[in-house]
PDB file of N, CA and C in Angstrom:
ATOM      1  N   UNK A   1       0.846  -1.179   0.000  1.00  0.00           N
ATOM      2  CA  UNK A   1       0.000   0.000   0.000  1.00  0.00           C
ATOM      3  C   UNK A   1       0.894   1.246   0.000  1.00  0.00           C
ATOM      4  N   UNK A   2       0.594   2.183  -0.866  1.00  0.00           N
ATOM      5  CA  UNK A   2       1.322   3.443  -0.927  1.00  0.00           C
ATOM      6  C   UNK A   2       0.409   4.534  -0.372  1.00  0.00           C
ATOM      7  N   UNK A   3       0.945   5.335   0.560  1.00  0.00           N
ATOM      8  CA  UNK A   3       0.157   6.384   1.210  1.00  0.00           C
ATOM      9  C   UNK A   3       0.830   7.738   1.021  1.00  0.00           C
ATOM     10  N   UNK A   4      -0.007   8.762   0.892  1.00  0.00           N
ATOM     11  CA  UNK A   4       0.476  10.138   0.818  1.00  0.00           C
ATOM     12  C   UNK A   4      -0.159  10.908   1.961  1.00  0.00           C
ATOM     13  N   UNK A   5       0.667  11.603   2.751  1.00  0.00           N
ATOM     14  CA  UNK A   5       0.149  12.418   3.840  1.00  0.00           C
ATOM     15  C   UNK A   5       0.712  13.830   3.759  1.00  0.00           C
ATOM     16  N   UNK A   6      -0.050  14.740   4.325  1.00  0.00           N
ATOM     17  CA  UNK A   6       0.363  16.131   4.460  1.00  0.00           C
ATOM     18  C   UNK A   6       0.002  16.565   5.867  1.00  0.00           C
ATOM     19  N   UNK A   7       1.004  16.977   6.622  1.00  0.00           N
ATOM     20  CA  UNK A   7       0.768  17.425   7.989  1.00  0.00           C
ATOM     21  C   UNK A   7       0.052  16.348   8.809  1.00  0.00           C
ATOM     22  N   UNK A   8       0.379  15.086   8.519  1.00  0.00           N
ATOM     23  CA  UNK A   8      -0.199  13.962   9.248  1.00  0.00           C
ATOM     24  C   UNK A   8      -1.562  13.501   8.768  1.00  0.00           C
ATOM     25  N   UNK A   9      -2.116  14.168   7.778  1.00  0.00           N
ATOM     26  CA  UNK A   9      -3.440  13.820   7.254  1.00  0.00           C
ATOM     27  C   UNK A   9      -3.294  13.037   5.950  1.00  0.00           C
ATOM     28  N   UNK A  10      -4.015  11.932   5.849  1.00  0.00           N
ATOM     29  CA  UNK A  10      -3.981  11.092   4.656  1.00  0.00           C
ATOM     30  C   UNK A  10      -4.630  11.802   3.474  1.00  0.00           C
ATOM     31  N   UNK A  11      -3.880  11.904   2.364  1.00  0.00           N
ATOM     32  CA  UNK A  11      -4.409  12.508   1.138  1.00  0.00           C
ATOM     33  C   UNK A  11      -4.758  11.472   0.080  1.00  0.00           C
ATOM     34  N   UNK A  12      -3.997  10.373   0.050  1.00  0.00           N
ATOM     35  CA  UNK A  12      -4.235   9.325  -0.950  1.00  0.00           C
ATOM     36  C   UNK A  12      -3.648   8.018  -0.442  1.00  0.00           C
ATOM     37  N   UNK A  13      -4.288   6.927  -0.875  1.00  0.00           N
ATOM     38  CA  UNK A  13      -3.824   5.594  -0.485  1.00  0.00           C
ATOM     39  C   UNK A  13      -4.273   4.605  -1.545  1.00  0.00           C
ATOM     40  N   UNK A  14      -3.318   3.810  -2.049  1.00  0.00           N
ATOM     41  CA  UNK A  14      -3.661   2.832  -3.084  1.00  0.00           C
ATOM     42  C   UNK A  14      -2.647   1.697  -3.077  1.00  0.00           C
ATOM     43  N   UNK A  15      -3.119   0.530  -3.443  1.00  0.00           N
ATOM     44  CA  UNK A  15      -2.243  -0.622  -3.622  1.00  0.00           C
ATOM     45  C   UNK A  15      -1.755  -0.608  -5.068  1.00  0.00           C
ATOM     46  N   UNK A  16      -0.464  -0.564  -5.266  1.00  0.00           N
ATOM     47  CA  UNK A  16       0.140  -0.634  -6.598  1.00  0.00           C
ATOM     48  C   UNK A  16      -0.351   0.420  -7.587  1.00  0.00           C
ATOM     49  N   UNK A  17      -0.306   1.699  -7.218  1.00  0.00           N
ATOM     50  CA  UNK A  17      -0.693   2.716  -8.209  1.00  0.00           C
ATOM     51  C   UNK A  17       0.331   2.729  -9.351  1.00  0.00           C
ATOM     52  N   UNK A  18      -0.096   3.081 -10.552  1.00  0.00           N
ATOM     53  CA  UNK A  18       0.842   3.136 -11.669  1.00  0.00           C
ATOM     54  C   UNK A  18       1.989   4.113 -11.383  1.00  0.00           C
ATOM     55  N   UNK A  19       3.167   3.793 -11.872  1.00  0.00           N
ATOM     56  CA  UNK A  19       4.321   4.676 -11.740  1.00  0.00           C
ATOM     57  C   UNK A  19       4.726   5.135 -13.137  1.00  0.00           C
ATOM     58  N   UNK A  20       4.807   6.437 -13.306  1.00  0.00           N
ATOM     59  CA  UNK A  20       5.221   7.025 -14.576  1.00  0.00           C
ATOM     60  C   UNK A  20       6.317   8.037 -14.272  1.00  0.00           C
ATOM     61  N   UNK A  21       7.442   7.866 -14.907  1.00  0.00           N
ATOM     62  CA  UNK A  21       8.585   8.759 -14.729  1.00  0.00           C
ATOM     63  C   UNK A  21       8.936   8.939 -13.251  1.00  0.00           C
ATOM     64  N   UNK A  22       8.853   7.863 -12.490  1.00  0.00           N
ATOM     65  CA  UNK A  22       9.233   7.884 -11.082  1.00  0.00           C
ATOM     66  C   UNK A  22       8.193   8.431 -10.123  1.00  0.00           C
ATOM     67  N   UNK A  23       7.005   8.758 -10.620  1.00  0.00           N
ATOM     68  CA  UNK A  23       5.928   9.285  -9.780  1.00  0.00           C
ATOM     69  C   UNK A  23       4.764   8.310  -9.711  1.00  0.00           C
ATOM     70  N   UNK A  24       4.221   8.132  -8.503  1.00  0.00           N
ATOM     71  CA  UNK A  24       3.008   7.343  -8.347  1.00  0.00           C
ATOM     72  C   UNK A  24       1.828   8.170  -8.834  1.00  0.00           C
ATOM     73  N   UNK A  25       0.937   7.527  -9.577  1.00  0.00           N
ATOM     74  CA  UNK A  25      -0.301   8.160 -10.028  1.00  0.00           C
ATOM     75  C   UNK A  25      -1.464   7.428  -9.360  1.00  0.00           C
ATOM     76  N   UNK A  26      -2.123   8.122  -8.432  1.00  0.00           N
ATOM     77  CA  UNK A  26      -3.187   7.520  -7.642  1.00  0.00           C
ATOM     78  C   UNK A  26      -4.525   7.606  -8.367  1.00  0.00           C
ATOM     79  N   UNK A  27      -5.247   6.478  -8.435  1.00  0.00           N
ATOM     80  CA  UNK A  27      -6.568   6.494  -9.066  1.00  0.00           C
ATOM     81  C   UNK A  27      -7.473   7.517  -8.378  1.00  0.00           C
ATOM     82  N   UNK A  28      -8.384   8.128  -9.134  1.00  0.00           N
ATOM     83  CA  UNK A  28      -9.239   9.177  -8.570  1.00  0.00           C
ATOM     84  C   UNK A  28      -9.985   8.755  -7.307  1.00  0.00           C
ATOM     85  N   UNK A  29     -10.441   7.510  -7.240  1.00  0.00           N
ATOM     86  CA  UNK A  29     -11.215   7.073  -6.068  1.00  0.00           C
ATOM     87  C   UNK A  29     -10.345   6.798  -4.838  1.00  0.00           C
ATOM     88  N   UNK A  30      -9.024   6.919  -4.967  1.00  0.00           N
ATOM     89  CA  UNK A  30      -8.133   6.692  -3.827  1.00  0.00           C
ATOM     90  C   UNK A  30      -7.625   8.001  -3.219  1.00  0.00           C
ATOM     91  N   UNK A  31      -8.105   9.123  -3.742  1.00  0.00           N
ATOM     92  CA  UNK A  31      -7.643  10.449  -3.315  1.00  0.00           C
ATOM     93  C   UNK A  31      -8.744  11.141  -2.515  1.00  0.00           C
ATOM     94  N   UNK A  32      -8.354  11.741  -1.386  1.00  0.00           N
ATOM     95  CA  UNK A  32      -9.290  12.479  -0.517  1.00  0.00           C
ATOM     96  C   UNK A  32      -9.457  13.895  -1.069  1.00  0.00           C
ATOM     97  N   UNK A  33     -10.360  14.053  -1.995  1.00  0.00           N
ATOM     98  CA  UNK A  33     -10.482  15.317  -2.730  1.00  0.00           C
ATOM     99  C   UNK A  33     -10.983  16.483  -1.888  1.00  0.00           C
ATOM    100  N   UNK A  34     -11.539  16.207  -0.712  1.00  0.00           N
ATOM    101  CA  UNK A  34     -12.026  17.307   0.129  1.00  0.00           C
ATOM    102  C   UNK A  34     -10.894  18.195   0.633  1.00  0.00           C
ATOM    103  N   UNK A  35      -9.661  17.735   0.571  1.00  0.00           N
ATOM    104  CA  UNK A  35      -8.501  18.519   1.007  1.00  0.00           C
ATOM    105  C   UNK A  35      -7.946  19.400  -0.110  1.00  0.00           C
ATOM    106  N   UNK A  36      -8.486  19.269  -1.324  1.00  0.00           N
ATOM    107  CA  UNK A  36      -7.923  19.961  -2.480  1.00  0.00           C
ATOM    108  C   UNK A  36      -8.811  21.070  -3.007  1.00  0.00           C
ATOM    109  N   UNK A  37      -8.155  22.026  -3.646  1.00  0.00           N
ATOM    110  CA  UNK A  37      -8.851  23.044  -4.433  1.00  0.00           C
ATOM    111  C   UNK A  37      -8.098  23.162  -5.757  1.00  0.00           C
ATOM    112  N   UNK A  38      -8.797  23.561  -6.788  1.00  0.00           N
ATOM    113  CA  UNK A  38      -8.172  23.690  -8.099  1.00  0.00           C
ATOM    114  C   UNK A  38      -7.162  24.831  -8.104  1.00  0.00           C
ATOM    115  N   UNK A  39      -6.057  24.602  -8.757  1.00  0.00           N
ATOM    116  CA  UNK A  39      -5.033  25.620  -8.949  1.00  0.00           C
ATOM    117  C   UNK A  39      -5.200  26.207 -10.344  1.00  0.00           C
ATOM    118  N   UNK A  40      -4.678  27.392 -10.545  1.00  0.00           N
ATOM    119  CA  UNK A  40      -4.707  28.007 -11.878  1.00  0.00           C
ATOM    120  C   UNK A  40      -3.529  27.537 -12.726  1.00  0.00           C
ATOM    121  N   UNK A  41      -2.628  26.758 -12.128  1.00  0.00           N
ATOM    122  CA  UNK A  41      -1.436  26.290 -12.825  1.00  0.00           C
ATOM    123  C   UNK A  41      -1.764  25.172 -13.806  1.00  0.00           C
ATOM    124  N   UNK A  42      -1.097  25.202 -14.934  1.00  0.00           N
ATOM    125  CA  UNK A  42      -1.139  24.081 -15.875  1.00  0.00           C
ATOM    126  C   UNK A  42       0.228  24.022 -16.555  1.00  0.00           C
ATOM    127  N   UNK A  43       0.606  22.810 -16.938  1.00  0.00           N
ATOM    128  CA  UNK A  43       1.864  22.610 -17.651  1.00  0.00           C
ATOM    129  C   UNK A  43       1.612  21.634 -18.787  1.00  0.00           C
ATOM    130  N   UNK A  44       2.539  21.603 -19.724  1.00  0.00           N
ATOM    131  CA  UNK A  44       2.381  20.713 -20.874  1.00  0.00           C
ATOM    132  C   UNK A  44       3.543  19.733 -20.918  1.00  0.00           C
ATOM    133  N   UNK A  45       3.198  18.463 -21.019  1.00  0.00           N
ATOM    134  CA  UNK A  45       4.183  17.408 -21.229  1.00  0.00           C
ATOM    135  C   UNK A  45       4.038  16.959 -22.687  1.00  0.00           C
ATOM    136  N   UNK A  46       5.143  16.832 -23.404  1.00  0.00           N
ATOM    137  CA  UNK A  46       5.050  16.472 -24.820  1.00  0.00           C
ATOM    138  C   UNK A  46       4.341  15.147 -25.096  1.00  0.00           C
ATOM    139  N   UNK A  47       4.452  14.167 -24.181  1.00  0.00           N
ATOM    140  CA  UNK A  47       3.821  12.876 -24.478  1.00  0.00           C
ATOM    141  C   UNK A  47       2.600  12.574 -23.620  1.00  0.00           C
ATOM    142  N   UNK A  48       2.417  13.282 -22.489  1.00  0.00           N
ATOM    143  CA  UNK A  48       1.245  13.038 -21.641  1.00  0.00           C
ATOM    144  C   UNK A  48       0.125  14.032 -21.899  1.00  0.00           C
ATOM    145  N   UNK A  49       0.459  15.249 -22.264  1.00  0.00           N
ATOM    146  CA  UNK A  49      -0.557  16.259 -22.513  1.00  0.00           C
ATOM    147  C   UNK A  49      -0.494  17.393 -21.504  1.00  0.00           C
ATOM    148  N   UNK A  50      -1.624  18.062 -21.292  1.00  0.00           N
ATOM    149  CA  UNK A  50      -1.690  19.212 -20.389  1.00  0.00           C
ATOM    150  C   UNK A  50      -2.118  18.764 -19.001  1.00  0.00           C
ATOM    151  N   UNK A  51      -1.291  19.119 -18.018  1.00  0.00           N
ATOM    152  CA  UNK A  51      -1.578  18.766 -16.625  1.00  0.00           C
ATOM    153  C   UNK A  51      -2.290  19.915 -15.925  1.00  0.00           C
ATOM    154  N   UNK A  52      -3.254  19.564 -15.099  1.00  0.00           N
ATOM    155  CA  UNK A  52      -3.915  20.507 -14.207  1.00  0.00           C
ATOM    156  C   UNK A  52      -3.386  20.236 -12.804  1.00  0.00           C
ATOM    157  N   UNK A  53      -3.501  21.232 -11.926  1.00  0.00           N
ATOM    158  CA  UNK A  53      -2.909  21.128 -10.591  1.00  0.00           C
ATOM    159  C   UNK A  53      -3.928  21.344  -9.487  1.00  0.00           C
ATOM    160  N   UNK A  54      -3.583  20.811  -8.306  1.00  0.00           N
ATOM    161  CA  UNK A  54      -4.370  21.000  -7.092  1.00  0.00           C
ATOM    162  C   UNK A  54      -3.521  21.704  -6.035  1.00  0.00           C
ATOM    163  N   UNK A  55      -4.181  22.552  -5.251  1.00  0.00           N
ATOM    164  CA  UNK A  55      -3.629  23.074  -4.020  1.00  0.00           C
ATOM    165  C   UNK A  55      -4.221  22.226  -2.905  1.00  0.00           C
ATOM    166  N   UNK A  56      -3.564  22.188  -1.750  1.00  0.00           N
ATOM    167  CA  UNK A  56      -4.089  21.423  -0.622  1.00  0.00           C
ATOM    168  C   UNK A  56      -4.132  22.293   0.625  1.00  0.00           C
ATOM    169  N   UNK A  57      -5.114  22.033   1.466  1.00  0.00           N
ATOM    170  CA  UNK A  57      -5.230  22.715   2.751  1.00  0.00           C
ATOM    171  C   UNK A  57      -5.576  21.665   3.802  1.00  0.00           C
ATOM    172  N   UNK A  58      -4.652  21.475   4.760  1.00  0.00           N
ATOM    173  CA  UNK A  58      -4.825  20.451   5.787  1.00  0.00           C
ATOM    174  C   UNK A  58      -4.343  20.979   7.127  1.00  0.00           C
ATOM    175  N   UNK A  59      -5.204  20.920   8.117  1.00  0.00           N
ATOM    176  CA  UNK A  59      -4.815  21.294   9.489  1.00  0.00           C
ATOM    177  C   UNK A  59      -4.098  22.641   9.532  1.00  0.00           C
ATOM    178  N   UNK A  60      -4.616  23.608   8.792  1.00  0.00           N
ATOM    179  CA  UNK A  60      -4.029  24.944   8.795  1.00  0.00           C
ATOM    180  C   UNK A  60      -2.805  25.113   7.922  1.00  0.00           C
ATOM    181  N   UNK A  61      -2.398  24.067   7.221  1.00  0.00           N
ATOM    182  CA  UNK A  61      -1.249  24.171   6.326  1.00  0.00           C
ATOM    183  C   UNK A  61      -1.748  24.185   4.890  1.00  0.00           C
ATOM    184  N   UNK A  62      -1.416  25.267   4.182  1.00  0.00           N
ATOM    185  CA  UNK A  62      -1.801  25.399   2.779  1.00  0.00           C
ATOM    186  C   UNK A  62      -0.578  25.170   1.907  1.00  0.00           C
ATOM    187  N   UNK A  63      -0.730  24.332   0.896  1.00  0.00           N
ATOM    188  CA  UNK A  63       0.368  24.041  -0.016  1.00  0.00           C
ATOM    189  C   UNK A  63      -0.123  24.267  -1.446  1.00  0.00           C
ATOM    190  N   UNK A  64       0.574  25.134  -2.150  1.00  0.00           N
ATOM    191  CA  UNK A  64       0.219  25.459  -3.531  1.00  0.00           C
ATOM    192  C   UNK A  64       0.795  24.407  -4.478  1.00  0.00           C
ATOM    193  N   UNK A  65      -0.003  24.027  -5.454  1.00  0.00           N
ATOM    194  CA  UNK A  65       0.441  23.098  -6.504  1.00  0.00           C
ATOM    195  C   UNK A  65       1.091  21.843  -5.921  1.00  0.00           C
ATOM    196  N   UNK A  66       0.375  21.185  -5.023  1.00  0.00           N
ATOM    197  CA  UNK A  66       0.888  19.989  -4.351  1.00  0.00           C
ATOM    198  C   UNK A  66       0.798  18.740  -5.221  1.00  0.00           C
ATOM    199  N   UNK A  67      -0.120  18.761  -6.183  1.00  0.00           N
ATOM    200  CA  UNK A  67      -0.377  17.568  -6.994  1.00  0.00           C
ATOM    201  C   UNK A  67      -0.833  17.975  -8.392  1.00  0.00           C
ATOM    202  N   UNK A  68      -0.740  17.024  -9.310  1.00  0.00           N
ATOM    203  CA  UNK A  68      -1.180  17.273 -10.681  1.00  0.00           C
ATOM    204  C   UNK A  68      -1.868  16.039 -11.243  1.00  0.00           C
ATOM    205  N   UNK A  69      -2.608  16.264 -12.326  1.00  0.00           N
ATOM    206  CA  UNK A  69      -3.322  15.173 -12.998  1.00  0.00           C
ATOM    207  C   UNK A  69      -3.556  15.578 -14.449  1.00  0.00           C
ATOM    208  N   UNK A  70      -3.888  14.591 -15.262  1.00  0.00           N
ATOM    209  CA  UNK A  70      -4.131  14.817 -16.690  1.00  0.00           C
ATOM    210  C   UNK A  70      -5.599  14.517 -16.997  1.00  0.00           C
ATOM    211  N   UNK A  71      -6.441  15.561 -17.107  1.00  0.00           N
ATOM    212  CA  UNK A  71      -7.861  15.320 -17.382  1.00  0.00           C
ATOM    213  C   UNK A  71      -8.130  14.809 -18.796  1.00  0.00           C
ATOM    214  N   UNK A  72      -7.265  15.162 -19.743  1.00  0.00           N
ATOM    215  CA  UNK A  72      -7.410  14.709 -21.131  1.00  0.00           C
ATOM    216  C   UNK A  72      -6.031  14.345 -21.679  1.00  0.00           C
ATOM    217  N   UNK A  73      -5.470  13.230 -21.189  1.00  0.00           N
ATOM    218  CA  UNK A  73      -4.117  12.868 -21.618  1.00  0.00           C
ATOM    219  C   UNK A  73      -4.064  12.423 -23.077  1.00  0.00           C
ATOM    220  N   UNK A  74      -2.857  12.482 -23.612  1.00  0.00           N
ATOM    221  CA  UNK A  74      -2.637  11.941 -24.959  1.00  0.00           C
ATOM    222  C   UNK A  74      -2.749  10.418 -24.885  1.00  0.00           C
ATOM    223  N   UNK A  75      -2.874   9.765 -26.022  1.00  0.00           N
ATOM    224  CA  UNK A  75      -3.160   8.321 -26.057  1.00  0.00           C
ATOM    225  C   UNK A  75      -2.134   7.477 -25.300  1.00  0.00           C
ATOM    226  N   UNK A  76      -0.850   7.825 -25.348  1.00  0.00           N
ATOM    227  CA  UNK A  76       0.164   7.028 -24.652  1.00  0.00           C
ATOM    228  C   UNK A  76       0.031   7.094 -23.132  1.00  0.00           C
ATOM    229  N   UNK A  77      -0.667   8.115 -22.631  1.00  0.00           N
ATOM    230  CA  UNK A  77      -0.850   8.275 -21.182  1.00  0.00           C
ATOM    231  C   UNK A  77      -2.297   8.045 -20.750  1.00  0.00           C
ATOM    232  N   UNK A  78      -3.081   7.439 -21.614  1.00  0.00           N
ATOM    233  CA  UNK A  78      -4.509   7.242 -21.315  1.00  0.00           C
ATOM    234  C   UNK A  78      -4.736   6.478 -20.007  1.00  0.00           C
ATOM    235  N   UNK A  79      -3.820   5.609 -19.632  1.00  0.00           N
ATOM    236  CA  UNK A  79      -3.982   4.803 -18.416  1.00  0.00           C
ATOM    237  C   UNK A  79      -3.867   5.621 -17.124  1.00  0.00           C
ATOM    238  N   UNK A  80      -3.422   6.887 -17.216  1.00  0.00           N
ATOM    239  CA  UNK A  80      -3.355   7.725 -16.009  1.00  0.00           C
ATOM    240  C   UNK A  80      -4.362   8.881 -16.054  1.00  0.00           C
ATOM    241  N   UNK A  81      -5.355   8.780 -16.911  1.00  0.00           N
ATOM    242  CA  UNK A  81      -6.386   9.823 -16.981  1.00  0.00           C
ATOM    243  C   UNK A  81      -6.981  10.058 -15.592  1.00  0.00           C
ATOM    244  N   UNK A  82      -6.956  11.313 -15.150  1.00  0.00           N
ATOM    245  CA  UNK A  82      -7.509  11.759 -13.855  1.00  0.00           C
ATOM    246  C   UNK A  82      -6.791  11.181 -12.638  1.00  0.00           C
ATOM    247  N   UNK A  83      -5.737  10.398 -12.828  1.00  0.00           N
ATOM    248  CA  UNK A  83      -4.944   9.916 -11.695  1.00  0.00           C
ATOM    249  C   UNK A  83      -4.124  11.080 -11.147  1.00  0.00           C
ATOM    250  N   UNK A  84      -3.906  11.096  -9.848  1.00  0.00           N
ATOM    251  CA  UNK A  84      -3.247  12.223  -9.189  1.00  0.00           C
ATOM    252  C   UNK A  84      -1.837  11.841  -8.737  1.00  0.00           C
ATOM    253  N   UNK A  85      -0.865  12.669  -9.105  1.00  0.00           N
ATOM    254  CA  UNK A  85       0.525  12.502  -8.681  1.00  0.00           C
ATOM    255  C   UNK A  85       0.890  13.662  -7.759  1.00  0.00           C
ATOM    256  N   UNK A  86       1.812  13.411  -6.842  1.00  0.00           N
ATOM    257  CA  UNK A  86       2.171  14.399  -5.823  1.00  0.00           C
ATOM    258  C   UNK A  86       3.644  14.771  -5.895  1.00  0.00           C
ATOM    259  N   UNK A  87       3.946  16.022  -5.583  1.00  0.00           N
ATOM    260  CA  UNK A  87       5.340  16.454  -5.486  1.00  0.00           C
ATOM    261  C   UNK A  87       5.960  15.866  -4.228  1.00  0.00           C
ATOM    262  N   UNK A  88       7.031  15.124  -4.407  1.00  0.00           N
ATOM    263  CA  UNK A  88       7.694  14.421  -3.300  1.00  0.00           C
ATOM    264  C   UNK A  88       8.258  15.366  -2.261  1.00  0.00           C
ATOM    265  N   UNK A  89       8.555  16.595  -2.635  1.00  0.00           N
ATOM    266  CA  UNK A  89       9.105  17.564  -1.685  1.00  0.00           C
ATOM    267  C   UNK A  89       8.028  18.356  -0.952  1.00  0.00           C
ATOM    268  N   UNK A  90       6.747  18.072  -1.249  1.00  0.00           N
ATOM    269  CA  UNK A  90       5.647  18.810  -0.605  1.00  0.00           C
ATOM    270  C   UNK A  90       4.779  17.931   0.284  1.00  0.00           C
ATOM    271  N   UNK A  91       4.908  16.620   0.149  1.00  0.00           N
ATOM    272  CA  UNK A  91       4.124  15.672   0.943  1.00  0.00           C
ATOM    273  C   UNK A  91       5.036  14.546   1.423  1.00  0.00           C
ATOM    274  N   UNK A  92       4.503  13.662   2.263  1.00  0.00           N
ATOM    275  CA  UNK A  92       5.216  12.461   2.665  1.00  0.00           C
ATOM    276  C   UNK A  92       4.603  11.293   1.919  1.00  0.00           C
ATOM    277  N   UNK A  93       5.446  10.522   1.216  1.00  0.00           N
ATOM    278  CA  UNK A  93       4.983   9.343   0.491  1.00  0.00           C
ATOM    279  C   UNK A  93       5.604   8.125   1.157  1.00  0.00           C
ATOM    280  N   UNK A  94       4.737   7.241   1.635  1.00  0.00           N
ATOM    281  CA  UNK A  94       5.183   6.010   2.299  1.00  0.00           C
ATOM    282  C   UNK A  94       4.851   4.820   1.424  1.00  0.00           C
ATOM    283  N   UNK A  95       5.860   3.983   1.204  1.00  0.00           N
ATOM    284  CA  UNK A  95       5.663   2.801   0.356  1.00  0.00           C
ATOM    285  C   UNK A  95       5.496   1.562   1.211  1.00  0.00           C
TER     286      UNK A  95
END
């Protein structure tokens, strides 16, 4: 089981989430979306497509652009559609 926490609060938990470019991508139903708000940030990956970002607020700690996901990925990344990946330097990831 892989878990993601922020300030001691569980943000995501999944058994064997897909790994792409060294990042775990958590299925949408394994993410506690009540801790997130949409960010205005977006980035473009040449082979995955345009990523959207989430901010997080937990126990009084606000973190900007803590996670990203691909709402409309390119065909090679279709298996991670809407899956959420987290910045390793902004959260705790336990394997």
